[in-house]
Amino acid sequence: MEMTEETKELLAQFQAYQQQLQSILIQKESIKIQILETEKALEELNETKEKNAYKISGQIMVLKPVEELKKELNEKKEDLEVKVKALEKSEEKIKDKLRELQNKLKDVLK
């Protein structure tokens, strides 16, 4: 069975969307790990009796008030959660497009 140009084009689009989806899933997983690490750091800060703690900034450690560090970590966590939501929206759009292309390919290959 020989493939038409349309079929080749649909397959190429399908593969491109699959690669995009894979990239999004990897990014999302990476951000979720960052969220977990941030939550762990917040737990540690919540349990400490110290007024100050060290923050790694580049190649140095900086002493900062615990409350300031908590605020920074909470902001970071919120930013990461927004990124995850945006990636999830992109993931859904790509999945919809993949389903659409899959149906077109099924019709073409019948």
C-alpha atoms as a PDB file:
ATOM      1  CA  MET A   1       0.000   0.000   0.000  1.00  0.00           C
ATOM      2  CA  GLU A   2       1.483   3.281  -1.090  1.00  0.00           C
ATOM      3  CA  MET A   3       1.074   6.386   1.027  1.00  0.00           C
ATOM      4  CA  THR A   4      -0.298   9.560  -0.465  1.00  0.00           C
ATOM      5  CA  GLU A   5       1.211  12.962   0.235  1.00  0.00           C
ATOM      6  CA  GLU A   6      -1.758  13.723   2.487  1.00  0.00           C
ATOM      7  CA  THR A   7      -1.103  10.590   4.538  1.00  0.00           C
ATOM      8  CA  LYS A   8       2.597  11.406   4.839  1.00  0.00           C
ATOM      9  CA  GLU A   9       1.726  14.938   5.949  1.00  0.00           C
ATOM     10  CA  LEU A  10      -0.762  13.660   8.548  1.00  0.00           C
ATOM     11  CA  LEU A  11       1.809  11.198   9.887  1.00  0.00           C
ATOM     12  CA  ALA A  12       4.436  13.942  10.113  1.00  0.00           C
ATOM     13  CA  GLN A  13       2.006  16.193  12.003  1.00  0.00           C
ATOM     14  CA  PHE A  14       1.065  13.323  14.304  1.00  0.00           C
ATOM     15  CA  GLN A  15       4.709  12.619  15.130  1.00  0.00           C
ATOM     16  CA  ALA A  16       5.424  16.317  15.723  1.00  0.00           C
ATOM     17  CA  TYR A  17       2.518  16.566  18.158  1.00  0.00           C
ATOM     18  CA  GLN A  18       3.675  13.397  19.918  1.00  0.00           C
ATOM     19  CA  GLN A  19       7.115  14.953  20.403  1.00  0.00           C
ATOM     20  CA  GLN A  20       5.558  18.177  21.720  1.00  0.00           C
ATOM     21  CA  LEU A  21       3.448  16.159  24.150  1.00  0.00           C
ATOM     22  CA  GLN A  22       6.505  14.244  25.360  1.00  0.00           C
ATOM     23  CA  SER A  23       8.367  17.518  25.921  1.00  0.00           C
ATOM     24  CA  ILE A  24       5.454  18.977  27.901  1.00  0.00           C
ATOM     25  CA  LEU A  25       5.192  15.868  30.067  1.00  0.00           C
ATOM     26  CA  ILE A  26       8.907  16.038  30.869  1.00  0.00           C
ATOM     27  CA  GLN A  27       8.661  19.756  31.738  1.00  0.00           C
ATOM     28  CA  LYS A  28       5.603  19.135  33.898  1.00  0.00           C
ATOM     29  CA  GLU A  29       7.323  16.325  35.803  1.00  0.00           C
ATOM     30  CA  SER A  30      10.381  18.510  36.388  1.00  0.00           C
ATOM     31  CA  ILE A  31       8.244  21.338  37.774  1.00  0.00           C
ATOM     32  CA  LYS A  32       6.310  18.949  40.017  1.00  0.00           C
ATOM     33  CA  ILE A  33       9.630  17.785  41.491  1.00  0.00           C
ATOM     34  CA  GLN A  34      10.558  21.428  42.136  1.00  0.00           C
ATOM     35  CA  ILE A  35       7.209  21.937  43.879  1.00  0.00           C
ATOM     36  CA  LEU A  36       7.876  18.935  46.148  1.00  0.00           C
ATOM     37  CA  GLU A  37      11.357  20.239  46.974  1.00  0.00           C
ATOM     38  CA  THR A  38       9.916  23.670  47.759  1.00  0.00           C
ATOM     39  CA  GLU A  39       7.251  22.144  50.014  1.00  0.00           C
ATOM     40  CA  LYS A  40       9.940  20.155  51.867  1.00  0.00           C
ATOM     41  CA  ALA A  41      11.993  23.329  52.401  1.00  0.00           C
ATOM     42  CA  LEU A  42       8.877  25.126  53.711  1.00  0.00           C
ATOM     43  CA  GLU A  43       8.216  22.254  56.139  1.00  0.00           C
ATOM     44  CA  GLU A  44      11.757  22.535  57.475  1.00  0.00           C
ATOM     45  CA  LEU A  45      11.424  26.296  57.887  1.00  0.00           C
ATOM     46  CA  ASN A  46       8.090  25.881  59.672  1.00  0.00           C
ATOM     47  CA  GLU A  47       9.647  23.460  62.154  1.00  0.00           C
ATOM     48  CA  THR A  48      12.745  25.508  62.965  1.00  0.00           C
ATOM     49  CA  LYS A  49      13.023  27.658  66.067  1.00  0.00           C
ATOM     50  CA  GLU A  50      15.754  29.755  64.458  1.00  0.00           C
ATOM     51  CA  LYS A  51      15.113  33.336  63.393  1.00  0.00           C
ATOM     52  CA  ASN A  52      17.501  33.098  60.411  1.00  0.00           C
ATOM     53  CA  ALA A  53      18.456  30.389  57.935  1.00  0.00           C
ATOM     54  CA  TYR A  54      20.806  30.047  55.006  1.00  0.00           C
ATOM     55  CA  LYS A  55      19.690  30.239  51.402  1.00  0.00           C
ATOM     56  CA  ILE A  56      21.879  29.012  48.576  1.00  0.00           C
ATOM     57  CA  SER A  57      22.192  31.746  45.991  1.00  0.00           C
ATOM     58  CA  GLY A  58      24.405  30.808  43.096  1.00  0.00           C
ATOM     59  CA  GLN A  59      27.689  29.625  44.570  1.00  0.00           C
ATOM     60  CA  ILE A  60      27.280  31.212  47.997  1.00  0.00           C
ATOM     61  CA  MET A  61      25.063  30.797  51.033  1.00  0.00           C
ATOM     62  CA  VAL A  62      23.258  33.873  52.314  1.00  0.00           C
ATOM     63  CA  LEU A  63      21.828  34.263  55.824  1.00  0.00           C
ATOM     64  CA  LYS A  64      18.245  35.538  55.700  1.00  0.00           C
ATOM     65  CA  PRO A  65      15.311  35.825  58.082  1.00  0.00           C
ATOM     66  CA  VAL A  66      13.216  32.647  58.126  1.00  0.00           C
ATOM     67  CA  GLU A  67       9.993  34.597  57.472  1.00  0.00           C
ATOM     68  CA  GLU A  68      11.512  36.166  54.351  1.00  0.00           C
ATOM     69  CA  LEU A  69      12.601  32.742  53.116  1.00  0.00           C
ATOM     70  CA  LYS A  70       9.105  31.351  53.718  1.00  0.00           C
ATOM     71  CA  LYS A  71       7.614  34.202  51.695  1.00  0.00           C
ATOM     72  CA  GLU A  72      10.069  33.602  48.828  1.00  0.00           C
ATOM     73  CA  LEU A  73       9.384  29.865  48.808  1.00  0.00           C
ATOM     74  CA  ASN A  74       5.612  30.350  48.852  1.00  0.00           C
ATOM     75  CA  GLU A  75       5.883  32.738  45.884  1.00  0.00           C
ATOM     76  CA  LYS A  76       8.114  30.271  44.059  1.00  0.00           C
ATOM     77  CA  LYS A  77       5.618  27.464  44.724  1.00  0.00           C
ATOM     78  CA  GLU A  78       2.731  29.579  43.396  1.00  0.00           C
ATOM     79  CA  ASP A  79       4.710  30.408  40.240  1.00  0.00           C
ATOM     80  CA  LEU A  80       5.509  26.738  39.695  1.00  0.00           C
ATOM     81  CA  GLU A  81       1.867  25.751  40.169  1.00  0.00           C
ATOM     82  CA  VAL A  82       0.820  28.331  37.547  1.00  0.00           C
ATOM     83  CA  LYS A  83       3.376  26.848  35.147  1.00  0.00           C
ATOM     84  CA  VAL A  84       2.012  23.342  35.748  1.00  0.00           C
ATOM     85  CA  LYS A  85      -1.534  24.544  34.996  1.00  0.00           C
ATOM     86  CA  ALA A  86      -0.359  26.191  31.769  1.00  0.00           C
ATOM     87  CA  LEU A  87       1.447  23.021  30.732  1.00  0.00           C
ATOM     88  CA  GLU A  88      -1.656  20.965  31.513  1.00  0.00           C
ATOM     89  CA  LYS A  89      -3.729  23.216  29.234  1.00  0.00           C
ATOM     90  CA  SER A  90      -1.167  22.788  26.457  1.00  0.00           C
ATOM     91  CA  GLU A  91      -1.118  19.052  27.095  1.00  0.00           C
ATOM     92  CA  GLU A  92      -4.903  18.847  26.668  1.00  0.00           C
ATOM     93  CA  LYS A  93      -4.840  20.870  23.434  1.00  0.00           C
ATOM     94  CA  ILE A  94      -2.142  18.622  21.997  1.00  0.00           C
ATOM     95  CA  LYS A  95      -3.976  15.470  23.086  1.00  0.00           C
ATOM     96  CA  ASP A  96      -7.119  16.776  21.353  1.00  0.00           C
ATOM     97  CA  LYS A  97      -5.125  17.478  18.194  1.00  0.00           C
ATOM     98  CA  LEU A  98      -3.560  13.997  18.357  1.00  0.00           C
ATOM     99  CA  ARG A  99      -7.011  12.391  18.653  1.00  0.00           C
ATOM    100  CA  GLU A 100      -8.216  14.428  15.691  1.00  0.00           C
ATOM    101  CA  LEU A 101      -5.187  13.435  13.586  1.00  0.00           C
ATOM    102  CA  GLN A 102      -5.529   9.814  14.649  1.00  0.00           C
ATOM    103  CA  ASN A 103      -9.123   9.757  13.407  1.00  0.00           C
ATOM    104  CA  LYS A 104      -8.098  11.365  10.104  1.00  0.00           C
ATOM    105  CA  LEU A 105      -5.331   8.796   9.697  1.00  0.00           C
ATOM    106  CA  LYS A 106      -7.744   5.937  10.382  1.00  0.00           C
ATOM    107  CA  ASP A 107     -10.071   7.293   7.670  1.00  0.00           C
ATOM    108  CA  VAL A 108      -7.227   7.733   5.188  1.00  0.00           C
ATOM    109  CA  LEU A 109      -5.695   4.309   5.853  1.00  0.00           C
ATOM    110  CA  LYS A 110      -8.964   2.352   5.502  1.00  0.00           C
END
